């Protein structure tokens, strides 16, 4: 009987290759640079708005201008509705459909990794991007805030103040929360990607589904289904800016995203394992 060890070792090299290929693509870096530009534009715009007429600026702008750490926070909140789902949709939609379009999918399946393992590797690779993207936004926001505004104790939504160190930790938690929020969309994109050989179509469909979820989430007539929409808790990250943090929001969001990962991961597995990709 052959040893299972060689087969078990295939996963890590395959995953390392997947992540390396993802982050060697010019498209990936273009999307990350575009995301990094958001906090820069936010910081510059607020810097201009906080000029001689800053007394008439909205309180939120005044708060950002008074503490550079809020630039990263504001940028994360601004990127969640559209920019992050757009980039995640591109990466997730390309997972399987991109390989099929290039004709490399059949060669990947020649290796004894198996279709299920390939799906897991593709999902993890896209999930790495889910966390890398908000971390880039947070880092760019922090650097922009340090360059343009004074930095000091952070006033939370609860009215409490925390030091700069804890403020940076809260910003990191916001980025991690955002990464978790994108996992459900990644699973949806993975499933859509198994349905077609056209990556652009899979990308577009994934982004449209993300936008549709947010639109439905704004309709009071559909309040009964709001807790089940993948975008329902995306903006719940602000609950981490309270003292103490509202961890129940984080946990509820994580469970919701896990549900989407399980359901759409199973759908992707069912579709991919029955799909003729070697013809």
C-alpha atoms as a PDB file:
ATOM      1  CA  UNK A   1       0.000   0.000   0.000  1.00  0.00           C
ATOM      2  CA  UNK A   2       1.459   3.354  -0.994  1.00  0.00           C
ATOM      3  CA  UNK A   3       2.196   5.952   1.631  1.00  0.00           C
ATOM      4  CA  UNK A   4      -0.160   8.970   1.758  1.00  0.00           C
ATOM      5  CA  UNK A   5       2.716  11.294   2.673  1.00  0.00           C
ATOM      6  CA  UNK A   6       3.656  12.404  -0.890  1.00  0.00           C
ATOM      7  CA  UNK A   7       0.020  13.230  -1.629  1.00  0.00           C
ATOM      8  CA  UNK A   8      -0.354  15.102   1.693  1.00  0.00           C
ATOM      9  CA  UNK A   9       2.659  17.249   0.897  1.00  0.00           C
ATOM     10  CA  UNK A  10       1.249  18.478  -2.390  1.00  0.00           C
ATOM     11  CA  UNK A  11      -1.020  21.034  -0.724  1.00  0.00           C
ATOM     12  CA  UNK A  12       1.628  23.398   0.659  1.00  0.00           C
ATOM     13  CA  UNK A  13       3.750  23.710  -2.517  1.00  0.00           C
ATOM     14  CA  UNK A  14       0.589  24.150  -4.562  1.00  0.00           C
ATOM     15  CA  UNK A  15      -0.666  26.821  -2.150  1.00  0.00           C
ATOM     16  CA  UNK A  16       2.698  28.595  -2.130  1.00  0.00           C
ATOM     17  CA  UNK A  17       2.703  28.603  -5.930  1.00  0.00           C
ATOM     18  CA  UNK A  18      -0.869  29.925  -6.036  1.00  0.00           C
ATOM     19  CA  UNK A  19      -0.083  32.816  -3.686  1.00  0.00           C
ATOM     20  CA  UNK A  20       3.167  33.603  -5.493  1.00  0.00           C
ATOM     21  CA  UNK A  21       1.410  33.681  -8.871  1.00  0.00           C
ATOM     22  CA  UNK A  22      -1.364  35.877  -7.476  1.00  0.00           C
ATOM     23  CA  UNK A  23       1.030  38.470  -6.093  1.00  0.00           C
ATOM     24  CA  UNK A  24       3.280  38.418  -9.155  1.00  0.00           C
ATOM     25  CA  UNK A  25       0.449  39.587 -11.365  1.00  0.00           C
ATOM     26  CA  UNK A  26       0.503  43.229 -12.388  1.00  0.00           C
ATOM     27  CA  UNK A  27      -3.289  43.284 -12.015  1.00  0.00           C
ATOM     28  CA  UNK A  28      -3.022  42.366  -8.328  1.00  0.00           C
ATOM     29  CA  UNK A  29      -0.542  45.141  -7.627  1.00  0.00           C
ATOM     30  CA  UNK A  30      -2.596  47.603  -9.664  1.00  0.00           C
ATOM     31  CA  UNK A  31      -5.633  46.837  -7.500  1.00  0.00           C
ATOM     32  CA  UNK A  32      -3.624  47.135  -4.287  1.00  0.00           C
ATOM     33  CA  UNK A  33      -2.168  50.458  -5.427  1.00  0.00           C
ATOM     34  CA  UNK A  34      -5.647  51.692  -6.307  1.00  0.00           C
ATOM     35  CA  UNK A  35      -6.840  50.747  -2.831  1.00  0.00           C
ATOM     36  CA  UNK A  36      -3.819  52.452  -1.270  1.00  0.00           C
ATOM     37  CA  UNK A  37      -4.701  55.604  -3.202  1.00  0.00           C
ATOM     38  CA  UNK A  38      -8.061  55.863  -1.410  1.00  0.00           C
ATOM     39  CA  UNK A  39      -6.654  56.924   1.993  1.00  0.00           C
ATOM     40  CA  UNK A  40      -4.187  59.237   0.259  1.00  0.00           C
ATOM     41  CA  UNK A  41      -7.029  60.992  -1.561  1.00  0.00           C
ATOM     42  CA  UNK A  42      -9.094  61.069   1.637  1.00  0.00           C
ATOM     43  CA  UNK A  43      -6.211  62.585   3.573  1.00  0.00           C
ATOM     44  CA  UNK A  44      -5.429  65.206   0.947  1.00  0.00           C
ATOM     45  CA  UNK A  45      -9.107  66.145   0.571  1.00  0.00           C
ATOM     46  CA  UNK A  46      -9.558  66.530   4.328  1.00  0.00           C
ATOM     47  CA  UNK A  47      -6.300  68.455   4.590  1.00  0.00           C
ATOM     48  CA  UNK A  48      -7.599  70.928   2.016  1.00  0.00           C
ATOM     49  CA  UNK A  49     -11.003  71.084   3.709  1.00  0.00           C
ATOM     50  CA  UNK A  50      -9.396  71.786   7.082  1.00  0.00           C
ATOM     51  CA  UNK A  51      -7.881  75.042   5.867  1.00  0.00           C
ATOM     52  CA  UNK A  52      -9.041  78.545   6.826  1.00  0.00           C
ATOM     53  CA  UNK A  53     -12.690  77.490   6.702  1.00  0.00           C
ATOM     54  CA  UNK A  54     -12.219  74.390   8.845  1.00  0.00           C
ATOM     55  CA  UNK A  55     -14.595  75.740  11.448  1.00  0.00           C
ATOM     56  CA  UNK A  56     -17.450  75.160   9.010  1.00  0.00           C
ATOM     57  CA  UNK A  57     -16.315  71.635   8.127  1.00  0.00           C
ATOM     58  CA  UNK A  58     -18.424  68.657   9.258  1.00  0.00           C
ATOM     59  CA  UNK A  59     -17.484  67.266  12.669  1.00  0.00           C
ATOM     60  CA  UNK A  60     -16.229  64.036  11.086  1.00  0.00           C
ATOM     61  CA  UNK A  61     -13.772  65.939   8.904  1.00  0.00           C
ATOM     62  CA  UNK A  62     -12.652  67.953  11.909  1.00  0.00           C
ATOM     63  CA  UNK A  63     -12.100  64.737  13.851  1.00  0.00           C
ATOM     64  CA  UNK A  64      -9.963  63.252  11.077  1.00  0.00           C
ATOM     65  CA  UNK A  65      -8.003  66.482  10.731  1.00  0.00           C
ATOM     66  CA  UNK A  66      -7.381  66.444  14.471  1.00  0.00           C
ATOM     67  CA  UNK A  67      -5.891  62.930  14.494  1.00  0.00           C
ATOM     68  CA  UNK A  68      -4.154  61.241  11.584  1.00  0.00           C
ATOM     69  CA  UNK A  69      -5.103  57.749  12.768  1.00  0.00           C
ATOM     70  CA  UNK A  70      -8.665  58.416  11.635  1.00  0.00           C
ATOM     71  CA  UNK A  71      -7.536  58.554   8.005  1.00  0.00           C
ATOM     72  CA  UNK A  72      -7.084  54.778   7.915  1.00  0.00           C
ATOM     73  CA  UNK A  73     -10.408  54.248   9.685  1.00  0.00           C
ATOM     74  CA  UNK A  74     -12.254  56.523   7.265  1.00  0.00           C
ATOM     75  CA  UNK A  75     -10.591  54.849   4.275  1.00  0.00           C
ATOM     76  CA  UNK A  76     -11.644  51.370   5.411  1.00  0.00           C
ATOM     77  CA  UNK A  77     -15.244  52.502   5.854  1.00  0.00           C
ATOM     78  CA  UNK A  78     -15.205  54.111   2.393  1.00  0.00           C
ATOM     79  CA  UNK A  79     -13.707  51.089   0.610  1.00  0.00           C
ATOM     80  CA  UNK A  80     -16.019  48.434   2.087  1.00  0.00           C
ATOM     81  CA  UNK A  81     -19.145  49.159   0.022  1.00  0.00           C
ATOM     82  CA  UNK A  82     -17.551  49.120  -3.444  1.00  0.00           C
ATOM     83  CA  UNK A  83     -13.776  49.143  -3.830  1.00  0.00           C
ATOM     84  CA  UNK A  84     -12.974  46.093  -1.708  1.00  0.00           C
ATOM     85  CA  UNK A  85     -15.827  43.952  -3.111  1.00  0.00           C
ATOM     86  CA  UNK A  86     -14.709  44.980  -6.600  1.00  0.00           C
ATOM     87  CA  UNK A  87     -11.121  43.832  -6.106  1.00  0.00           C
ATOM     88  CA  UNK A  88     -12.114  40.683  -4.191  1.00  0.00           C
ATOM     89  CA  UNK A  89     -14.652  39.871  -6.908  1.00  0.00           C
ATOM     90  CA  UNK A  90     -11.922  40.128  -9.544  1.00  0.00           C
ATOM     91  CA  UNK A  91      -9.604  37.783  -7.648  1.00  0.00           C
ATOM     92  CA  UNK A  92     -12.300  35.269  -6.650  1.00  0.00           C
ATOM     93  CA  UNK A  93     -13.948  35.246 -10.062  1.00  0.00           C
ATOM     94  CA  UNK A  94     -10.621  34.444 -11.702  1.00  0.00           C
ATOM     95  CA  UNK A  95      -9.785  31.447  -9.503  1.00  0.00           C
ATOM     96  CA  UNK A  96     -11.096  28.628 -11.700  1.00  0.00           C
ATOM     97  CA  UNK A  97     -12.416  30.454 -14.755  1.00  0.00           C
ATOM     98  CA  UNK A  98      -9.034  32.119 -15.293  1.00  0.00           C
ATOM     99  CA  UNK A  99      -7.243  28.765 -15.351  1.00  0.00           C
ATOM    100  CA  UNK A 100      -9.869  27.330 -17.711  1.00  0.00           C
ATOM    101  CA  UNK A 101      -9.564  30.286 -20.085  1.00  0.00           C
ATOM    102  CA  UNK A 102      -5.780  29.971 -20.216  1.00  0.00           C
ATOM    103  CA  UNK A 103      -5.970  26.213 -20.737  1.00  0.00           C
ATOM    104  CA  UNK A 104      -3.927  25.487 -17.599  1.00  0.00           C
ATOM    105  CA  UNK A 105      -6.740  23.935 -15.548  1.00  0.00           C
ATOM    106  CA  UNK A 106      -6.395  20.507 -17.121  1.00  0.00           C
ATOM    107  CA  UNK A 107      -2.660  20.487 -16.389  1.00  0.00           C
ATOM    108  CA  UNK A 108      -3.260  21.375 -12.760  1.00  0.00           C
ATOM    109  CA  UNK A 109      -5.614  18.417 -12.474  1.00  0.00           C
ATOM    110  CA  UNK A 110      -3.030  16.041 -13.941  1.00  0.00           C
ATOM    111  CA  UNK A 111      -1.120  16.370 -10.663  1.00  0.00           C
ATOM    112  CA  UNK A 112      -2.403  14.065  -7.901  1.00  0.00           C
ATOM    113  CA  UNK A 113      -3.640  17.002  -5.852  1.00  0.00           C
ATOM    114  CA  UNK A 114      -7.280  16.298  -6.678  1.00  0.00           C
ATOM    115  CA  UNK A 115     -10.083  18.690  -7.491  1.00  0.00           C
ATOM    116  CA  UNK A 116     -11.142  19.240  -3.880  1.00  0.00           C
ATOM    117  CA  UNK A 117      -7.633  20.191  -2.845  1.00  0.00           C
ATOM    118  CA  UNK A 118      -7.270  22.503  -5.818  1.00  0.00           C
ATOM    119  CA  UNK A 119     -10.496  24.263  -4.814  1.00  0.00           C
ATOM    120  CA  UNK A 120      -9.238  24.688  -1.254  1.00  0.00           C
ATOM    121  CA  UNK A 121      -5.932  26.087  -2.506  1.00  0.00           C
ATOM    122  CA  UNK A 122      -7.732  28.522  -4.805  1.00  0.00           C
ATOM    123  CA  UNK A 123      -9.983  29.679  -1.968  1.00  0.00           C
ATOM    124  CA  UNK A 124      -7.103  30.160   0.463  1.00  0.00           C
ATOM    125  CA  UNK A 125      -5.138  32.104  -2.138  1.00  0.00           C
ATOM    126  CA  UNK A 126      -8.083  34.446  -2.690  1.00  0.00           C
ATOM    127  CA  UNK A 127      -8.624  34.666   1.087  1.00  0.00           C
ATOM    128  CA  UNK A 128      -5.034  35.853   1.516  1.00  0.00           C
ATOM    129  CA  UNK A 129      -5.883  38.730  -0.803  1.00  0.00           C
ATOM    130  CA  UNK A 130      -9.016  39.429   1.290  1.00  0.00           C
ATOM    131  CA  UNK A 131      -6.776  40.229   4.252  1.00  0.00           C
ATOM    132  CA  UNK A 132      -3.933  41.821   2.306  1.00  0.00           C
ATOM    133  CA  UNK A 133      -6.233  44.408   0.680  1.00  0.00           C
ATOM    134  CA  UNK A 134      -7.645  46.022   3.877  1.00  0.00           C
ATOM    135  CA  UNK A 135      -4.224  45.849   5.515  1.00  0.00           C
ATOM    136  CA  UNK A 136      -2.845  47.861   2.589  1.00  0.00           C
ATOM    137  CA  UNK A 137      -5.645  50.419   3.041  1.00  0.00           C
ATOM    138  CA  UNK A 138      -4.965  50.645   6.782  1.00  0.00           C
ATOM    139  CA  UNK A 139      -1.203  50.977   6.286  1.00  0.00           C
ATOM    140  CA  UNK A 140      -1.575  53.626   3.589  1.00  0.00           C
ATOM    141  CA  UNK A 141      -4.045  55.481   5.776  1.00  0.00           C
ATOM    142  CA  UNK A 142      -1.687  55.429   8.745  1.00  0.00           C
ATOM    143  CA  UNK A 143       1.238  56.725   6.706  1.00  0.00           C
ATOM    144  CA  UNK A 144      -0.936  59.419   5.116  1.00  0.00           C
ATOM    145  CA  UNK A 145      -2.269  60.458   8.510  1.00  0.00           C
ATOM    146  CA  UNK A 146       1.237  60.671   9.974  1.00  0.00           C
ATOM    147  CA  UNK A 147       2.360  62.820   7.053  1.00  0.00           C
ATOM    148  CA  UNK A 148      -0.567  65.247   6.977  1.00  0.00           C
ATOM    149  CA  UNK A 149      -2.050  65.476  10.464  1.00  0.00           C
ATOM    150  CA  UNK A 150      -1.066  65.406  14.131  1.00  0.00           C
ATOM    151  CA  UNK A 151      -1.368  62.035  15.865  1.00  0.00           C
ATOM    152  CA  UNK A 152      -2.532  61.625  19.430  1.00  0.00           C
ATOM    153  CA  UNK A 153      -4.947  59.726  21.683  1.00  0.00           C
ATOM    154  CA  UNK A 154      -7.936  58.323  19.799  1.00  0.00           C
ATOM    155  CA  UNK A 155     -11.462  59.210  20.882  1.00  0.00           C
ATOM    156  CA  UNK A 156     -13.687  56.167  20.388  1.00  0.00           C
ATOM    157  CA  UNK A 157     -17.384  56.117  19.531  1.00  0.00           C
ATOM    158  CA  UNK A 158     -18.163  55.498  23.187  1.00  0.00           C
ATOM    159  CA  UNK A 159     -16.410  58.751  24.111  1.00  0.00           C
ATOM    160  CA  UNK A 160     -13.445  57.019  25.763  1.00  0.00           C
ATOM    161  CA  UNK A 161      -9.896  57.854  24.774  1.00  0.00           C
ATOM    162  CA  UNK A 162      -7.154  55.317  24.097  1.00  0.00           C
ATOM    163  CA  UNK A 163      -3.472  55.838  23.428  1.00  0.00           C
ATOM    164  CA  UNK A 164      -1.790  55.816  20.044  1.00  0.00           C
ATOM    165  CA  UNK A 165      -0.639  52.218  20.479  1.00  0.00           C
ATOM    166  CA  UNK A 166      -4.124  50.930  21.209  1.00  0.00           C
ATOM    167  CA  UNK A 167      -5.462  53.146  18.431  1.00  0.00           C
ATOM    168  CA  UNK A 168      -3.176  51.387  15.961  1.00  0.00           C
ATOM    169  CA  UNK A 169      -4.272  48.037  17.381  1.00  0.00           C
ATOM    170  CA  UNK A 170      -7.924  49.004  16.851  1.00  0.00           C
ATOM    171  CA  UNK A 171      -7.109  49.951  13.252  1.00  0.00           C
ATOM    172  CA  UNK A 172      -5.496  46.544  12.752  1.00  0.00           C
ATOM    173  CA  UNK A 173      -8.612  44.883  14.177  1.00  0.00           C
ATOM    174  CA  UNK A 174     -10.761  46.875  11.758  1.00  0.00           C
ATOM    175  CA  UNK A 175      -8.637  45.614   8.858  1.00  0.00           C
ATOM    176  CA  UNK A 176      -8.932  42.014  10.081  1.00  0.00           C
ATOM    177  CA  UNK A 177     -12.697  42.426  10.510  1.00  0.00           C
ATOM    178  CA  UNK A 178     -12.889  43.692   6.942  1.00  0.00           C
ATOM    179  CA  UNK A 179     -10.877  40.725   5.695  1.00  0.00           C
ATOM    180  CA  UNK A 180     -13.261  38.320   7.429  1.00  0.00           C
ATOM    181  CA  UNK A 181     -16.190  40.221   5.886  1.00  0.00           C
ATOM    182  CA  UNK A 182     -14.878  39.472   2.384  1.00  0.00           C
ATOM    183  CA  UNK A 183     -14.560  35.694   2.896  1.00  0.00           C
ATOM    184  CA  UNK A 184     -18.205  35.000   2.089  1.00  0.00           C
ATOM    185  CA  UNK A 185     -17.920  36.954  -1.144  1.00  0.00           C
ATOM    186  CA  UNK A 186     -14.776  34.990  -1.974  1.00  0.00           C
ATOM    187  CA  UNK A 187     -16.682  31.716  -1.633  1.00  0.00           C
ATOM    188  CA  UNK A 188     -19.469  33.071  -3.834  1.00  0.00           C
ATOM    189  CA  UNK A 189     -16.894  34.109  -6.439  1.00  0.00           C
ATOM    190  CA  UNK A 190     -15.245  30.685  -6.292  1.00  0.00           C
ATOM    191  CA  UNK A 191     -18.574  29.014  -7.014  1.00  0.00           C
ATOM    192  CA  UNK A 192     -19.412  31.394  -9.868  1.00  0.00           C
ATOM    193  CA  UNK A 193     -15.925  30.776 -11.273  1.00  0.00           C
ATOM    194  CA  UNK A 194     -16.671  27.050 -11.563  1.00  0.00           C
ATOM    195  CA  UNK A 195     -19.694  27.789 -13.751  1.00  0.00           C
ATOM    196  CA  UNK A 196     -17.889  29.413 -16.670  1.00  0.00           C
ATOM    197  CA  UNK A 197     -14.683  29.524 -18.681  1.00  0.00           C
ATOM    198  CA  UNK A 198     -14.973  33.301 -19.062  1.00  0.00           C
ATOM    199  CA  UNK A 199     -13.171  34.976 -16.125  1.00  0.00           C
ATOM    200  CA  UNK A 200     -14.528  38.459 -16.886  1.00  0.00           C
ATOM    201  CA  UNK A 201     -18.056  37.100 -16.637  1.00  0.00           C
ATOM    202  CA  UNK A 202     -17.312  35.415 -13.301  1.00  0.00           C
ATOM    203  CA  UNK A 203     -15.721  38.600 -11.958  1.00  0.00           C
ATOM    204  CA  UNK A 204     -18.642  40.762 -13.054  1.00  0.00           C
ATOM    205  CA  UNK A 205     -21.232  38.349 -11.661  1.00  0.00           C
ATOM    206  CA  UNK A 206     -19.477  38.242  -8.282  1.00  0.00           C
ATOM    207  CA  UNK A 207     -19.317  42.023  -8.026  1.00  0.00           C
ATOM    208  CA  UNK A 208     -22.964  42.346  -9.100  1.00  0.00           C
ATOM    209  CA  UNK A 209     -23.991  39.876  -6.387  1.00  0.00           C
ATOM    210  CA  UNK A 210     -22.087  41.939  -3.798  1.00  0.00           C
ATOM    211  CA  UNK A 211     -23.801  45.139  -4.916  1.00  0.00           C
ATOM    212  CA  UNK A 212     -27.188  43.400  -5.001  1.00  0.00           C
ATOM    213  CA  UNK A 213     -26.720  42.210  -1.432  1.00  0.00           C
ATOM    214  CA  UNK A 214     -26.043  45.759  -0.291  1.00  0.00           C
ATOM    215  CA  UNK A 215     -29.056  47.123  -2.187  1.00  0.00           C
ATOM    216  CA  UNK A 216     -31.338  44.505  -0.634  1.00  0.00           C
ATOM    217  CA  UNK A 217     -29.855  45.333   2.750  1.00  0.00           C
ATOM    218  CA  UNK A 218     -31.141  48.909   2.389  1.00  0.00           C
ATOM    219  CA  UNK A 219     -34.747  47.948   1.672  1.00  0.00           C
ATOM    220  CA  UNK A 220     -36.843  48.012   4.869  1.00  0.00           C
ATOM    221  CA  UNK A 221     -39.463  45.817   3.187  1.00  0.00           C
ATOM    222  CA  UNK A 222     -36.907  42.980   3.167  1.00  0.00           C
ATOM    223  CA  UNK A 223     -35.850  43.374   6.781  1.00  0.00           C
ATOM    224  CA  UNK A 224     -36.568  39.696   7.467  1.00  0.00           C
ATOM    225  CA  UNK A 225     -33.741  38.563   5.183  1.00  0.00           C
ATOM    226  CA  UNK A 226     -31.217  41.237   6.160  1.00  0.00           C
ATOM    227  CA  UNK A 227     -29.417  39.052   8.766  1.00  0.00           C
ATOM    228  CA  UNK A 228     -28.736  36.461   6.049  1.00  0.00           C
ATOM    229  CA  UNK A 229     -27.252  38.835   3.465  1.00  0.00           C
ATOM    230  CA  UNK A 230     -23.480  38.528   3.169  1.00  0.00           C
ATOM    231  CA  UNK A 231     -23.040  42.306   3.395  1.00  0.00           C
ATOM    232  CA  UNK A 232     -25.308  42.813   6.412  1.00  0.00           C
ATOM    233  CA  UNK A 233     -22.467  43.171   8.948  1.00  0.00           C
ATOM    234  CA  UNK A 234     -19.799  44.707   6.726  1.00  0.00           C
ATOM    235  CA  UNK A 235     -20.095  48.108   8.388  1.00  0.00           C
ATOM    236  CA  UNK A 236     -20.325  46.539  11.838  1.00  0.00           C
ATOM    237  CA  UNK A 237     -16.575  47.085  12.090  1.00  0.00           C
ATOM    238  CA  UNK A 238     -17.305  50.430  13.796  1.00  0.00           C
ATOM    239  CA  UNK A 239     -18.407  48.452  16.871  1.00  0.00           C
ATOM    240  CA  UNK A 240     -14.719  47.747  17.429  1.00  0.00           C
ATOM    241  CA  UNK A 241     -14.317  51.477  18.080  1.00  0.00           C
ATOM    242  CA  UNK A 242     -16.233  51.256  21.339  1.00  0.00           C
ATOM    243  CA  UNK A 243     -14.929  50.686  24.841  1.00  0.00           C
ATOM    244  CA  UNK A 244     -15.075  47.786  25.377  1.00  0.00           C
ATOM    245  CA  UNK A 245     -15.262  46.543  21.774  1.00  0.00           C
ATOM    246  CA  UNK A 246     -18.525  44.889  20.710  1.00  0.00           C
ATOM    247  CA  UNK A 247     -17.086  41.439  20.030  1.00  0.00           C
ATOM    248  CA  UNK A 248     -20.567  40.023  19.462  1.00  0.00           C
ATOM    249  CA  UNK A 249     -20.704  41.905  16.143  1.00  0.00           C
ATOM    250  CA  UNK A 250     -17.364  40.420  15.109  1.00  0.00           C
ATOM    251  CA  UNK A 251     -18.512  36.931  16.101  1.00  0.00           C
ATOM    252  CA  UNK A 252     -21.856  37.258  14.331  1.00  0.00           C
ATOM    253  CA  UNK A 253     -20.162  38.467  11.168  1.00  0.00           C
ATOM    254  CA  UNK A 254     -17.619  35.643  11.300  1.00  0.00           C
ATOM    255  CA  UNK A 255     -20.411  33.056  11.656  1.00  0.00           C
ATOM    256  CA  UNK A 256     -22.320  34.613   8.751  1.00  0.00           C
ATOM    257  CA  UNK A 257     -19.262  34.534   6.500  1.00  0.00           C
ATOM    258  CA  UNK A 258     -18.490  30.977   7.597  1.00  0.00           C
ATOM    259  CA  UNK A 259     -22.007  29.986   6.571  1.00  0.00           C
ATOM    260  CA  UNK A 260     -21.442  31.438   3.100  1.00  0.00           C
ATOM    261  CA  UNK A 261     -18.074  29.698   2.860  1.00  0.00           C
ATOM    262  CA  UNK A 262     -19.616  26.336   3.779  1.00  0.00           C
ATOM    263  CA  UNK A 263     -22.665  26.653   1.499  1.00  0.00           C
ATOM    264  CA  UNK A 264     -20.962  28.094  -1.569  1.00  0.00           C
ATOM    265  CA  UNK A 265     -17.847  26.019  -0.989  1.00  0.00           C
ATOM    266  CA  UNK A 266     -20.055  22.913  -1.117  1.00  0.00           C
ATOM    267  CA  UNK A 267     -21.771  24.198  -4.271  1.00  0.00           C
ATOM    268  CA  UNK A 268     -18.385  24.872  -5.865  1.00  0.00           C
ATOM    269  CA  UNK A 269     -17.202  21.386  -4.913  1.00  0.00           C
ATOM    270  CA  UNK A 270     -20.338  19.786  -6.328  1.00  0.00           C
ATOM    271  CA  UNK A 271     -20.026  21.688  -9.573  1.00  0.00           C
ATOM    272  CA  UNK A 272     -16.265  21.331  -9.977  1.00  0.00           C
ATOM    273  CA  UNK A 273     -16.091  17.610  -9.233  1.00  0.00           C
ATOM    274  CA  UNK A 274     -18.738  16.846 -11.863  1.00  0.00           C
ATOM    275  CA  UNK A 275     -17.485  19.271 -14.491  1.00  0.00           C
ATOM    276  CA  UNK A 276     -15.649  17.899 -17.533  1.00  0.00           C
ATOM    277  CA  UNK A 277     -12.554  20.095 -17.702  1.00  0.00           C
ATOM    278  CA  UNK A 278     -10.322  17.592 -19.467  1.00  0.00           C
ATOM    279  CA  UNK A 279     -12.245  17.423 -22.725  1.00  0.00           C
END
